Amino acid sequence: MTGQPIPVIIDCDTGVDDALALLFAVRHPGLDLRAVTCVAGNTDVDGVVRNTLTVLEQAGAPDIPVARGAERPLLEPARPAPVHGADGMGDLGLPAPARTAVAVDAVTLLHREILASPRPVTLVPTAPLTNIALLLRTHPEVTRNIERIVFMGGAVSTGNATPVAEFNVWHDPEAAAILLTAGVPITMYGLDVFRQVVVDSAEVHRLRTSAEPGTRLAGELLAHRPAHQGEPPEAEEAGGLGDAGAVCAVADPAGITTRLLPVEVSLAPGPTRGQTVVDRRPRLGESELHEGGRERALVDVALEVDADRYVKLYLETVRR
C-alpha cells in the first residue's frame, strides 16, 4: 500500500451487510474511517446505532465517533427491511456494546468531520440517503472537502424493494434525488454488481471457526446472508458481500467497470417510485428533442465487477 490512507466516512443502517462493510473499513490499511453516521433503514435508528457500536467493538476498532441520524425518510414513514432479522443483525445474540454514540446528531458530525479532515473525504452511504440529503441542504459548503460519494443504491436493471427500485433509494427517493445534485463526483454501486460478489461456503466456514472475534463475526454475518434469495440462512450457504462491495470499490476502484451516465430518480407515486432511471442510449431520444434537454445528473455507474478480486480483497482484509 502506497500513499496516505483515504479518509472515509460511512453512513449506514447497520444490518448484516452494512456490518460486513464496517468490518472491512476498520481493517483495511488504505482506509482511514473517520466517523460513522446512522439512519433508519434495515431497522429503527436506535437499533442501527446499537448494531454499529457492537460491530466496531467486535472488530477491535479505535474510538471512531458514531452518531444517531434521521429516524424516518424525508416524506415517507420508516419501512424496515425484515430480511435482516428482528434486531437488524441476523439475531446473532451479540452482547450489548460498552461504547456509546457521540452527543451530536449525524448531520452535525458529518459537517464537523468532513470540514476537519486534512484531505478530501470519500463519503460512503450504504443506507437510505436521508442523512446525506439533510447534510447537503443544511451545509452545502461541505462539498468543497468531499472527494467523491460512493453510494450503495439503485439499479440499472432489476430492483429488490419493487421490480424496478432498490431498497435504499426506494426507502427515501427524495433524498436520493438530492444526493445526485451534490455537485461532486458520484459512483453508484447498485444491485447489478451488488449481487455478484459472493464468498463461497468453504471460506464462510473458515471465517466462522476463527478464534478472532471480528473475523468470526464476518463469517456469522455471511452465513446469515445467503447468496441466493430463498435459501435458509442456517444452511451455511455461500454469502454475498452486499454493501461491503461498495467499500471495496473505494479501496480498489479498479475492481469495478463504470460508465459516466445520466441518472435520475423516479419520484412519482406508483410502481416506478424509487427507480433509478439510468440512460444508456447512445443519443438523445424524441422526448429530449421535443422538450429540450433538461439537465440530468451524470454518475459513474458500476456495470461490471471483478467478483473474485473483491472476495480475495475482503478475506485478506478481515483476517488481519
C-alpha atoms as a PDB file:
ATOM      1  CA  MET A   1       0.000   0.000   0.000  1.00  0.00           C
ATOM      2  CA  THR A   2       1.489   3.298  -1.084  1.00  0.00           C
ATOM      3  CA  GLY A   3       0.460   6.823  -0.169  1.00  0.00           C
ATOM      4  CA  GLN A   4      -1.734   8.010   2.650  1.00  0.00           C
ATOM      5  CA  PRO A   5      -4.933   6.214   3.660  1.00  0.00           C
ATOM      6  CA  ILE A   6      -8.158   7.519   2.107  1.00  0.00           C
ATOM      7  CA  PRO A   7     -10.261   9.463   4.643  1.00  0.00           C
ATOM      8  CA  VAL A   8     -13.669   7.728   4.677  1.00  0.00           C
ATOM      9  CA  ILE A   9     -16.985   8.355   6.421  1.00  0.00           C
ATOM     10  CA  ILE A  10     -19.677   5.665   6.271  1.00  0.00           C
ATOM     11  CA  ASP A  11     -23.376   6.472   6.593  1.00  0.00           C
ATOM     12  CA  CYS A  12     -25.223   3.229   7.293  1.00  0.00           C
ATOM     13  CA  ASP A  13     -28.348   1.458   8.534  1.00  0.00           C
ATOM     14  CA  THR A  14     -26.436  -1.414  10.099  1.00  0.00           C
ATOM     15  CA  GLY A  15     -27.958  -4.611   9.231  1.00  0.00           C
ATOM     16  CA  VAL A  16     -25.961  -7.580   8.139  1.00  0.00           C
ATOM     17  CA  ASP A  17     -24.184  -6.300   5.046  1.00  0.00           C
ATOM     18  CA  ASP A  18     -23.505  -2.828   6.476  1.00  0.00           C
ATOM     19  CA  ALA A  19     -21.786  -4.694   9.313  1.00  0.00           C
ATOM     20  CA  LEU A  20     -19.640  -6.523   6.760  1.00  0.00           C
ATOM     21  CA  ALA A  21     -18.765  -3.139   5.245  1.00  0.00           C
ATOM     22  CA  LEU A  22     -17.760  -1.712   8.640  1.00  0.00           C
ATOM     23  CA  LEU A  23     -15.526  -4.704   9.405  1.00  0.00           C
ATOM     24  CA  PHE A  24     -13.712  -4.177   6.107  1.00  0.00           C
ATOM     25  CA  ALA A  25     -13.360  -0.407   6.519  1.00  0.00           C
ATOM     26  CA  VAL A  26     -11.909  -0.755  10.016  1.00  0.00           C
ATOM     27  CA  ARG A  27      -9.300  -3.308   8.943  1.00  0.00           C
ATOM     28  CA  HIS A  28      -8.167  -2.113   5.524  1.00  0.00           C
ATOM     29  CA  PRO A  29      -4.831  -0.266   5.872  1.00  0.00           C
ATOM     30  CA  GLY A  30      -5.625   2.012   2.933  1.00  0.00           C
ATOM     31  CA  LEU A  31      -8.759   3.424   4.573  1.00  0.00           C
ATOM     32  CA  ASP A  32      -8.979   5.909   7.444  1.00  0.00           C
ATOM     33  CA  LEU A  33     -12.505   5.518   8.857  1.00  0.00           C
ATOM     34  CA  ARG A  34     -13.104   8.890  10.486  1.00  0.00           C
ATOM     35  CA  ALA A  35     -16.762   8.599  11.542  1.00  0.00           C
ATOM     36  CA  VAL A  36     -19.920   6.531  11.142  1.00  0.00           C
ATOM     37  CA  THR A  37     -23.416   8.010  10.976  1.00  0.00           C
ATOM     38  CA  CYS A  38     -26.630   6.048  11.399  1.00  0.00           C
ATOM     39  CA  VAL A  39     -30.028   6.283   9.713  1.00  0.00           C
ATOM     40  CA  ALA A  40     -33.264   4.292   9.857  1.00  0.00           C
ATOM     41  CA  GLY A  41     -33.426   1.596   7.202  1.00  0.00           C
ATOM     42  CA  ASN A  42     -32.783  -2.080   7.898  1.00  0.00           C
ATOM     43  CA  THR A  43     -34.121  -1.444  11.415  1.00  0.00           C
ATOM     44  CA  ASP A  44     -35.077   1.599  13.508  1.00  0.00           C
ATOM     45  CA  VAL A  45     -32.360   4.190  14.027  1.00  0.00           C
ATOM     46  CA  ASP A  46     -31.709   3.314  17.681  1.00  0.00           C
ATOM     47  CA  GLY A  47     -31.192  -0.303  16.663  1.00  0.00           C
ATOM     48  CA  VAL A  48     -28.851   0.864  13.906  1.00  0.00           C
ATOM     49  CA  VAL A  49     -26.774   2.803  16.447  1.00  0.00           C
ATOM     50  CA  ARG A  50     -26.585  -0.213  18.759  1.00  0.00           C
ATOM     51  CA  ASN A  51     -25.619  -2.543  15.916  1.00  0.00           C
ATOM     52  CA  THR A  52     -22.960  -0.146  14.638  1.00  0.00           C
ATOM     53  CA  LEU A  53     -21.340   0.229  18.051  1.00  0.00           C
ATOM     54  CA  THR A  54     -21.442  -3.560  18.523  1.00  0.00           C
ATOM     55  CA  VAL A  55     -19.678  -4.219  15.213  1.00  0.00           C
ATOM     56  CA  LEU A  56     -16.968  -1.633  15.874  1.00  0.00           C
ATOM     57  CA  GLU A  57     -16.393  -3.148  19.319  1.00  0.00           C
ATOM     58  CA  GLN A  58     -16.238  -6.724  17.977  1.00  0.00           C
ATOM     59  CA  ALA A  59     -13.815  -5.578  15.272  1.00  0.00           C
ATOM     60  CA  GLY A  60     -11.464  -4.007  17.819  1.00  0.00           C
ATOM     61  CA  ALA A  61     -11.829  -0.651  16.098  1.00  0.00           C
ATOM     62  CA  PRO A  62     -10.291   2.512  17.553  1.00  0.00           C
ATOM     63  CA  ASP A  63     -12.583   5.092  19.148  1.00  0.00           C
ATOM     64  CA  ILE A  64     -14.451   6.121  15.988  1.00  0.00           C
ATOM     65  CA  PRO A  65     -17.285   8.623  16.564  1.00  0.00           C
ATOM     66  CA  VAL A  66     -20.763   7.248  15.850  1.00  0.00           C
ATOM     67  CA  ALA A  67     -23.838   9.486  15.631  1.00  0.00           C
ATOM     68  CA  ARG A  68     -27.596   8.913  15.530  1.00  0.00           C
ATOM     69  CA  GLY A  69     -29.311  10.376  12.483  1.00  0.00           C
ATOM     70  CA  ALA A  70     -32.742  10.509  10.862  1.00  0.00           C
ATOM     71  CA  GLU A  71     -35.367   8.154  12.258  1.00  0.00           C
ATOM     72  CA  ARG A  72     -37.535   8.303   9.125  1.00  0.00           C
ATOM     73  CA  PRO A  73     -37.282   9.377   5.462  1.00  0.00           C
ATOM     74  CA  LEU A  74     -37.920  12.974   4.378  1.00  0.00           C
ATOM     75  CA  LEU A  75     -41.536  12.257   3.353  1.00  0.00           C
ATOM     76  CA  GLU A  76     -42.350   8.589   3.862  1.00  0.00           C
ATOM     77  CA  PRO A  77     -42.764   6.596   7.074  1.00  0.00           C
ATOM     78  CA  ALA A  78     -39.874   4.288   8.015  1.00  0.00           C
ATOM     79  CA  ARG A  79     -40.193   0.838   6.424  1.00  0.00           C
ATOM     80  CA  PRO A  80     -37.594  -1.563   7.877  1.00  0.00           C
ATOM     81  CA  ALA A  81     -36.278  -4.492   5.814  1.00  0.00           C
ATOM     82  CA  PRO A  82     -37.380  -7.763   7.502  1.00  0.00           C
ATOM     83  CA  VAL A  83     -34.648  -9.878   5.869  1.00  0.00           C
ATOM     84  CA  HIS A  84     -32.077  -8.845   8.483  1.00  0.00           C
ATOM     85  CA  GLY A  85     -33.877 -10.379  11.474  1.00  0.00           C
ATOM     86  CA  ALA A  86     -35.685  -8.790  14.396  1.00  0.00           C
ATOM     87  CA  ASP A  87     -32.594  -6.871  15.561  1.00  0.00           C
ATOM     88  CA  GLY A  88     -31.420  -5.973  12.058  1.00  0.00           C
ATOM     89  CA  MET A  89     -28.253  -8.026  12.577  1.00  0.00           C
ATOM     90  CA  GLY A  90     -29.365 -11.567  11.926  1.00  0.00           C
ATOM     91  CA  ASP A  91     -30.449 -12.199  15.532  1.00  0.00           C
ATOM     92  CA  LEU A  92     -26.937 -13.406  16.346  1.00  0.00           C
ATOM     93  CA  GLY A  93     -27.317 -12.650  20.052  1.00  0.00           C
ATOM     94  CA  LEU A  94     -24.278 -10.380  20.219  1.00  0.00           C
ATOM     95  CA  PRO A  95     -23.576  -8.691  23.575  1.00  0.00           C
ATOM     96  CA  ALA A  96     -24.679  -5.100  24.103  1.00  0.00           C
ATOM     97  CA  PRO A  97     -21.841  -2.683  23.303  1.00  0.00           C
ATOM     98  CA  ALA A  98     -19.926  -0.835  26.006  1.00  0.00           C
ATOM     99  CA  ARG A  99     -19.337   2.032  23.546  1.00  0.00           C
ATOM    100  CA  THR A 100     -21.773   4.915  23.219  1.00  0.00           C
ATOM    101  CA  ALA A 101     -22.689   7.303  20.449  1.00  0.00           C
ATOM    102  CA  VAL A 102     -21.432  10.887  20.477  1.00  0.00           C
ATOM    103  CA  ALA A 103     -23.699  13.622  21.845  1.00  0.00           C
ATOM    104  CA  VAL A 104     -24.254  15.350  18.481  1.00  0.00           C
ATOM    105  CA  ASP A 105     -26.588  14.301  15.674  1.00  0.00           C
ATOM    106  CA  ALA A 106     -25.449  12.722  12.410  1.00  0.00           C
ATOM    107  CA  VAL A 107     -25.623  15.884  10.292  1.00  0.00           C
ATOM    108  CA  THR A 108     -23.548  17.798  12.840  1.00  0.00           C
ATOM    109  CA  LEU A 109     -20.949  15.003  12.967  1.00  0.00           C
ATOM    110  CA  LEU A 110     -20.799  14.746   9.173  1.00  0.00           C
ATOM    111  CA  HIS A 111     -20.335  18.517   8.863  1.00  0.00           C
ATOM    112  CA  ARG A 112     -17.634  18.574  11.523  1.00  0.00           C
ATOM    113  CA  GLU A 113     -15.630  15.584  10.309  1.00  0.00           C
ATOM    114  CA  ILE A 114     -15.767  16.444   6.610  1.00  0.00           C
ATOM    115  CA  LEU A 115     -14.524  20.002   7.135  1.00  0.00           C
ATOM    116  CA  ALA A 116     -11.951  18.942   9.757  1.00  0.00           C
ATOM    117  CA  SER A 117     -10.320  16.331   7.530  1.00  0.00           C
ATOM    118  CA  PRO A 118      -6.893  17.424   6.299  1.00  0.00           C
ATOM    119  CA  ARG A 119      -7.618  15.699   2.968  1.00  0.00           C
ATOM    120  CA  PRO A 120     -10.874  15.482   0.982  1.00  0.00           C
ATOM    121  CA  VAL A 121     -13.186  12.781   2.328  1.00  0.00           C
ATOM    122  CA  THR A 122     -14.784   9.910   0.435  1.00  0.00           C
ATOM    123  CA  LEU A 123     -18.352   9.567   1.700  1.00  0.00           C
ATOM    124  CA  VAL A 124     -19.779   6.034   1.546  1.00  0.00           C
ATOM    125  CA  PRO A 125     -23.540   5.809   2.170  1.00  0.00           C
ATOM    126  CA  THR A 126     -24.703   2.180   2.368  1.00  0.00           C
ATOM    127  CA  ALA A 127     -28.205   3.083   3.515  1.00  0.00           C
ATOM    128  CA  PRO A 128     -31.208   5.259   2.688  1.00  0.00           C
ATOM    129  CA  LEU A 129     -29.824   8.706   1.887  1.00  0.00           C
ATOM    130  CA  THR A 130     -31.796  10.821   4.367  1.00  0.00           C
ATOM    131  CA  ASN A 131     -28.808  11.965   6.438  1.00  0.00           C
ATOM    132  CA  ILE A 132     -26.853  12.866   3.306  1.00  0.00           C
ATOM    133  CA  ALA A 133     -29.726  14.890   1.852  1.00  0.00           C
ATOM    134  CA  LEU A 134     -30.150  16.798   5.124  1.00  0.00           C
ATOM    135  CA  LEU A 135     -26.400  17.474   5.211  1.00  0.00           C
ATOM    136  CA  LEU A 136     -26.287  18.761   1.630  1.00  0.00           C
ATOM    137  CA  ARG A 137     -29.281  21.042   2.134  1.00  0.00           C
ATOM    138  CA  THR A 138     -28.133  22.331   5.554  1.00  0.00           C
ATOM    139  CA  HIS A 139     -24.388  22.621   4.918  1.00  0.00           C
ATOM    140  CA  PRO A 140     -23.709  22.730   1.159  1.00  0.00           C
ATOM    141  CA  GLU A 141     -20.212  24.056   1.882  1.00  0.00           C
ATOM    142  CA  VAL A 142     -19.106  20.514   2.828  1.00  0.00           C
ATOM    143  CA  THR A 143     -18.822  19.625  -0.847  1.00  0.00           C
ATOM    144  CA  ARG A 144     -15.560  21.545  -1.061  1.00  0.00           C
ATOM    145  CA  ASN A 145     -13.904  18.824   1.045  1.00  0.00           C
ATOM    146  CA  ILE A 146     -15.640  15.754  -0.425  1.00  0.00           C
ATOM    147  CA  GLU A 147     -13.503  13.857  -2.932  1.00  0.00           C
ATOM    148  CA  ARG A 148     -16.267  11.514  -4.067  1.00  0.00           C
ATOM    149  CA  ILE A 149     -19.501   9.906  -2.905  1.00  0.00           C
ATOM    150  CA  VAL A 150     -19.624   6.138  -3.453  1.00  0.00           C
ATOM    151  CA  PHE A 151     -23.127   5.015  -2.571  1.00  0.00           C
ATOM    152  CA  MET A 152     -24.660   1.566  -2.437  1.00  0.00           C
ATOM    153  CA  GLY A 153     -28.020   2.059  -4.031  1.00  0.00           C
ATOM    154  CA  GLY A 154     -30.074   1.965  -7.169  1.00  0.00           C
ATOM    155  CA  ALA A 155     -30.155  -0.490 -10.029  1.00  0.00           C
ATOM    156  CA  VAL A 156     -29.749  -0.315 -13.778  1.00  0.00           C
ATOM    157  CA  SER A 157     -31.981  -3.331 -14.320  1.00  0.00           C
ATOM    158  CA  THR A 158     -33.946  -5.162 -11.614  1.00  0.00           C
ATOM    159  CA  GLY A 159     -34.877  -3.841  -8.159  1.00  0.00           C
ATOM    160  CA  ASN A 160     -35.428  -5.648  -4.883  1.00  0.00           C
ATOM    161  CA  ALA A 161     -37.862  -3.470  -2.918  1.00  0.00           C
ATOM    162  CA  THR A 162     -40.016  -3.340  -6.065  1.00  0.00           C
ATOM    163  CA  PRO A 163     -39.477  -4.824  -9.539  1.00  0.00           C
ATOM    164  CA  VAL A 164     -37.540  -1.691 -10.518  1.00  0.00           C
ATOM    165  CA  ALA A 165     -36.455   0.027  -7.265  1.00  0.00           C
ATOM    166  CA  GLU A 166     -33.582  -0.880  -4.939  1.00  0.00           C
ATOM    167  CA  PHE A 167     -34.319  -0.640  -1.187  1.00  0.00           C
ATOM    168  CA  ASN A 168     -32.044   2.270  -0.176  1.00  0.00           C
ATOM    169  CA  VAL A 169     -33.347   4.552  -2.927  1.00  0.00           C
ATOM    170  CA  TRP A 170     -36.953   3.319  -2.591  1.00  0.00           C
ATOM    171  CA  HIS A 171     -36.893   3.987   1.169  1.00  0.00           C
ATOM    172  CA  ASP A 172     -36.245   7.713   0.573  1.00  0.00           C
ATOM    173  CA  PRO A 173     -36.406   8.640  -3.122  1.00  0.00           C
ATOM    174  CA  GLU A 174     -36.374  12.401  -2.492  1.00  0.00           C
ATOM    175  CA  ALA A 175     -33.140  12.075  -0.521  1.00  0.00           C
ATOM    176  CA  ALA A 176     -31.560  10.084  -3.348  1.00  0.00           C
ATOM    177  CA  ALA A 177     -32.597  12.764  -5.840  1.00  0.00           C
ATOM    178  CA  ILE A 178     -30.891  15.398  -3.667  1.00  0.00           C
ATOM    179  CA  LEU A 179     -27.720  13.295  -3.500  1.00  0.00           C
ATOM    180  CA  LEU A 180     -27.483  13.248  -7.283  1.00  0.00           C
ATOM    181  CA  THR A 181     -27.310  17.075  -7.304  1.00  0.00           C
ATOM    182  CA  ALA A 182     -24.428  17.207  -4.793  1.00  0.00           C
ATOM    183  CA  GLY A 183     -22.021  18.691  -7.325  1.00  0.00           C
ATOM    184  CA  VAL A 184     -19.219  16.217  -6.520  1.00  0.00           C
ATOM    185  CA  PRO A 185     -18.155  13.029  -8.358  1.00  0.00           C
ATOM    186  CA  ILE A 186     -20.551  10.177  -7.567  1.00  0.00           C
ATOM    187  CA  THR A 187     -20.211   6.420  -8.047  1.00  0.00           C
ATOM    188  CA  MET A 188     -23.373   4.298  -7.967  1.00  0.00           C
ATOM    189  CA  TYR A 189     -22.644   0.788  -6.707  1.00  0.00           C
ATOM    190  CA  GLY A 190     -26.050  -0.706  -7.434  1.00  0.00           C
ATOM    191  CA  LEU A 191     -27.741  -4.077  -7.382  1.00  0.00           C
ATOM    192  CA  ASP A 192     -26.263  -5.000 -10.765  1.00  0.00           C
ATOM    193  CA  VAL A 193     -22.838  -5.508  -9.143  1.00  0.00           C
ATOM    194  CA  PHE A 194     -24.003  -5.871  -5.518  1.00  0.00           C
ATOM    195  CA  ARG A 195     -25.410  -9.344  -6.162  1.00  0.00           C
ATOM    196  CA  GLN A 196     -22.344 -10.723  -7.913  1.00  0.00           C
ATOM    197  CA  VAL A 197     -19.734 -10.660  -5.118  1.00  0.00           C
ATOM    198  CA  VAL A 198     -20.201 -13.933  -3.230  1.00  0.00           C
ATOM    199  CA  VAL A 199     -17.975 -15.700  -0.682  1.00  0.00           C
ATOM    200  CA  ASP A 200     -18.157 -19.478  -1.114  1.00  0.00           C
ATOM    201  CA  SER A 201     -19.332 -21.729   1.683  1.00  0.00           C
ATOM    202  CA  ALA A 202     -15.861 -23.144   2.449  1.00  0.00           C
ATOM    203  CA  GLU A 203     -14.477 -19.655   3.092  1.00  0.00           C
ATOM    204  CA  VAL A 204     -17.529 -18.736   5.158  1.00  0.00           C
ATOM    205  CA  HIS A 205     -16.911 -21.816   7.296  1.00  0.00           C
ATOM    206  CA  ARG A 206     -13.250 -20.843   7.818  1.00  0.00           C
ATOM    207  CA  LEU A 207     -14.279 -17.382   8.963  1.00  0.00           C
ATOM    208  CA  ARG A 208     -16.901 -18.759  11.357  1.00  0.00           C
ATOM    209  CA  THR A 209     -14.372 -21.040  13.056  1.00  0.00           C
ATOM    210  CA  SER A 210     -11.780 -18.301  13.610  1.00  0.00           C
ATOM    211  CA  ALA A 211     -10.712 -17.563  17.174  1.00  0.00           C
ATOM    212  CA  GLU A 212     -10.550 -13.817  16.401  1.00  0.00           C
ATOM    213  CA  PRO A 213     -13.880 -12.087  17.187  1.00  0.00           C
ATOM    214  CA  GLY A 214     -14.060  -9.747  14.202  1.00  0.00           C
ATOM    215  CA  THR A 215     -13.134 -12.436  11.691  1.00  0.00           C
ATOM    216  CA  ARG A 216     -15.620 -14.847  13.267  1.00  0.00           C
ATOM    217  CA  LEU A 217     -18.342 -12.172  13.138  1.00  0.00           C
ATOM    218  CA  ALA A 218     -17.743 -11.721   9.401  1.00  0.00           C
ATOM    219  CA  GLY A 219     -18.359 -15.439   8.938  1.00  0.00           C
ATOM    220  CA  GLU A 220     -21.546 -15.408  11.023  1.00  0.00           C
ATOM    221  CA  LEU A 221     -22.866 -12.437   9.078  1.00  0.00           C
ATOM    222  CA  LEU A 222     -22.080 -14.043   5.720  1.00  0.00           C
ATOM    223  CA  ALA A 223     -23.751 -17.278   6.808  1.00  0.00           C
ATOM    224  CA  HIS A 224     -26.881 -15.295   7.633  1.00  0.00           C
ATOM    225  CA  ARG A 225     -26.804 -13.628   4.201  1.00  0.00           C
ATOM    226  CA  PRO A 226     -27.288 -16.415   1.641  1.00  0.00           C
ATOM    227  CA  ALA A 227     -26.060 -15.773  -1.879  1.00  0.00           C
ATOM    228  CA  HIS A 228     -29.428 -16.775  -3.316  1.00  0.00           C
ATOM    229  CA  GLN A 229     -32.814 -15.494  -2.164  1.00  0.00           C
ATOM    230  CA  GLY A 230     -34.993 -18.157  -0.614  1.00  0.00           C
ATOM    231  CA  GLU A 231     -32.138 -20.224   0.794  1.00  0.00           C
ATOM    232  CA  PRO A 232     -32.405 -20.837   4.551  1.00  0.00           C
ATOM    233  CA  PRO A 233     -29.839 -18.706   6.430  1.00  0.00           C
ATOM    234  CA  GLU A 234     -28.981 -21.563   8.790  1.00  0.00           C
ATOM    235  CA  ALA A 235     -27.768 -23.725   5.882  1.00  0.00           C
ATOM    236  CA  GLU A 236     -24.239 -22.223   5.922  1.00  0.00           C
ATOM    237  CA  GLU A 237     -24.524 -21.234   2.298  1.00  0.00           C
ATOM    238  CA  ALA A 238     -22.157 -19.041   0.382  1.00  0.00           C
ATOM    239  CA  GLY A 239     -22.775 -15.427   1.440  1.00  0.00           C
ATOM    240  CA  GLY A 240     -22.999 -12.216  -0.540  1.00  0.00           C
ATOM    241  CA  LEU A 241     -20.793  -9.275   0.498  1.00  0.00           C
ATOM    242  CA  GLY A 242     -23.534  -6.809  -0.374  1.00  0.00           C
ATOM    243  CA  ASP A 243     -22.783  -3.299   0.921  1.00  0.00           C
ATOM    244  CA  ALA A 244     -19.178  -4.255   1.666  1.00  0.00           C
ATOM    245  CA  GLY A 245     -18.547  -4.278  -2.069  1.00  0.00           C
ATOM    246  CA  ALA A 246     -19.049  -0.515  -2.162  1.00  0.00           C
ATOM    247  CA  VAL A 247     -16.258  -0.066   0.385  1.00  0.00           C
ATOM    248  CA  CYS A 248     -14.079  -2.488  -1.599  1.00  0.00           C
ATOM    249  CA  ALA A 249     -14.669  -0.163  -4.559  1.00  0.00           C
ATOM    250  CA  VAL A 250     -13.194   2.728  -2.551  1.00  0.00           C
ATOM    251  CA  ALA A 251     -10.113   0.727  -1.559  1.00  0.00           C
ATOM    252  CA  ASP A 252      -9.701  -0.815  -5.026  1.00  0.00           C
ATOM    253  CA  PRO A 253     -11.664   1.135  -7.670  1.00  0.00           C
ATOM    254  CA  ALA A 254     -10.073  -0.879 -10.483  1.00  0.00           C
ATOM    255  CA  GLY A 255     -12.279  -3.825  -9.458  1.00  0.00           C
ATOM    256  CA  ILE A 256     -15.373  -2.238 -10.996  1.00  0.00           C
ATOM    257  CA  THR A 257     -16.120  -1.096 -14.538  1.00  0.00           C
ATOM    258  CA  THR A 258     -18.129   2.133 -14.620  1.00  0.00           C
ATOM    259  CA  ARG A 259     -19.658   4.396 -17.253  1.00  0.00           C
ATOM    260  CA  LEU A 260     -20.489   8.066 -16.762  1.00  0.00           C
ATOM    261  CA  LEU A 261     -24.233   8.103 -17.446  1.00  0.00           C
ATOM    262  CA  PRO A 262     -27.253  10.334 -16.777  1.00  0.00           C
ATOM    263  CA  VAL A 263     -29.207   9.074 -13.757  1.00  0.00           C
ATOM    264  CA  GLU A 264     -32.424  10.358 -12.217  1.00  0.00           C
ATOM    265  CA  VAL A 265     -34.775   9.046  -9.542  1.00  0.00           C
ATOM    266  CA  SER A 266     -38.451   8.463 -10.239  1.00  0.00           C
ATOM    267  CA  LEU A 267     -40.397  10.431  -7.610  1.00  0.00           C
ATOM    268  CA  ALA A 268     -43.944   9.965  -8.917  1.00  0.00           C
ATOM    269  CA  PRO A 269     -46.354   7.789  -6.926  1.00  0.00           C
ATOM    270  CA  GLY A 270     -46.935   4.350  -8.362  1.00  0.00           C
ATOM    271  CA  PRO A 271     -44.970   1.285  -9.390  1.00  0.00           C
ATOM    272  CA  THR A 272     -41.853   3.135 -10.583  1.00  0.00           C
ATOM    273  CA  ARG A 273     -41.353   5.270  -7.451  1.00  0.00           C
ATOM    274  CA  GLY A 274     -37.736   4.969  -6.300  1.00  0.00           C
ATOM    275  CA  GLN A 275     -36.427   3.631  -9.611  1.00  0.00           C
ATOM    276  CA  THR A 276     -33.006   4.898 -10.689  1.00  0.00           C
ATOM    277  CA  VAL A 277     -33.513   5.667 -14.356  1.00  0.00           C
ATOM    278  CA  VAL A 278     -30.105   5.169 -15.997  1.00  0.00           C
ATOM    279  CA  ASP A 279     -29.869   6.435 -19.568  1.00  0.00           C
ATOM    280  CA  ARG A 280     -27.586   4.144 -21.586  1.00  0.00           C
ATOM    281  CA  ARG A 281     -28.745   5.325 -25.011  1.00  0.00           C
ATOM    282  CA  PRO A 282     -26.018   6.467 -27.398  1.00  0.00           C
ATOM    283  CA  ARG A 283     -28.003   9.586 -28.390  1.00  0.00           C
ATOM    284  CA  LEU A 284     -30.937  11.705 -27.232  1.00  0.00           C
ATOM    285  CA  GLY A 285     -34.430  10.444 -27.966  1.00  0.00           C
ATOM    286  CA  GLU A 286     -37.600  12.134 -29.166  1.00  0.00           C
ATOM    287  CA  SER A 287     -38.596  13.189 -25.659  1.00  0.00           C
ATOM    288  CA  GLU A 288     -35.466  15.304 -25.189  1.00  0.00           C
ATOM    289  CA  LEU A 289     -35.563  16.597 -28.767  1.00  0.00           C
ATOM    290  CA  HIS A 290     -39.140  17.812 -28.394  1.00  0.00           C
ATOM    291  CA  GLU A 291     -38.999  19.028 -24.784  1.00  0.00           C
ATOM    292  CA  GLY A 292     -35.461  20.415 -24.731  1.00  0.00           C
ATOM    293  CA  GLY A 293     -32.591  18.674 -22.971  1.00  0.00           C
ATOM    294  CA  ARG A 294     -33.168  19.087 -19.235  1.00  0.00           C
ATOM    295  CA  GLU A 295     -30.089  18.893 -17.056  1.00  0.00           C
ATOM    296  CA  ARG A 296     -29.580  15.440 -15.537  1.00  0.00           C
ATOM    297  CA  ALA A 297     -27.003  14.215 -13.064  1.00  0.00           C
ATOM    298  CA  LEU A 298     -24.014  12.385 -14.520  1.00  0.00           C
ATOM    299  CA  VAL A 299     -22.966   9.447 -12.355  1.00  0.00           C
ATOM    300  CA  ASP A 300     -20.219   6.813 -12.623  1.00  0.00           C
ATOM    301  CA  VAL A 301     -22.484   3.770 -12.721  1.00  0.00           C
ATOM    302  CA  ALA A 302     -20.914   0.409 -11.850  1.00  0.00           C
ATOM    303  CA  LEU A 303     -21.872  -2.016 -14.626  1.00  0.00           C
ATOM    304  CA  GLU A 304     -19.393  -4.860 -14.015  1.00  0.00           C
ATOM    305  CA  VAL A 305     -17.386  -6.115 -11.056  1.00  0.00           C
ATOM    306  CA  ASP A 306     -14.422  -8.464 -10.707  1.00  0.00           C
ATOM    307  CA  ALA A 307     -16.099 -10.571  -8.042  1.00  0.00           C
ATOM    308  CA  ASP A 308     -13.140 -12.863  -7.380  1.00  0.00           C
ATOM    309  CA  ARG A 309     -10.872  -9.862  -6.868  1.00  0.00           C
ATOM    310  CA  TYR A 310     -13.186  -8.307  -4.280  1.00  0.00           C
ATOM    311  CA  VAL A 311     -13.744 -11.585  -2.437  1.00  0.00           C
ATOM    312  CA  LYS A 312      -9.971 -12.057  -2.183  1.00  0.00           C
ATOM    313  CA  LEU A 313      -9.538  -8.452  -1.041  1.00  0.00           C
ATOM    314  CA  TYR A 314     -12.285  -8.804   1.564  1.00  0.00           C
ATOM    315  CA  LEU A 315     -10.991 -12.056   3.017  1.00  0.00           C
ATOM    316  CA  GLU A 316      -7.381 -10.822   3.205  1.00  0.00           C
ATOM    317  CA  THR A 317      -8.561  -7.671   4.950  1.00  0.00           C
ATOM    318  CA  VAL A 318     -10.920  -9.045   7.599  1.00  0.00           C
ATOM    319  CA  ARG A 319      -8.396 -11.725   8.583  1.00  0.00           C
ATOM    320  CA  ARG A 320      -5.785  -9.130   9.511  1.00  0.00           C
END
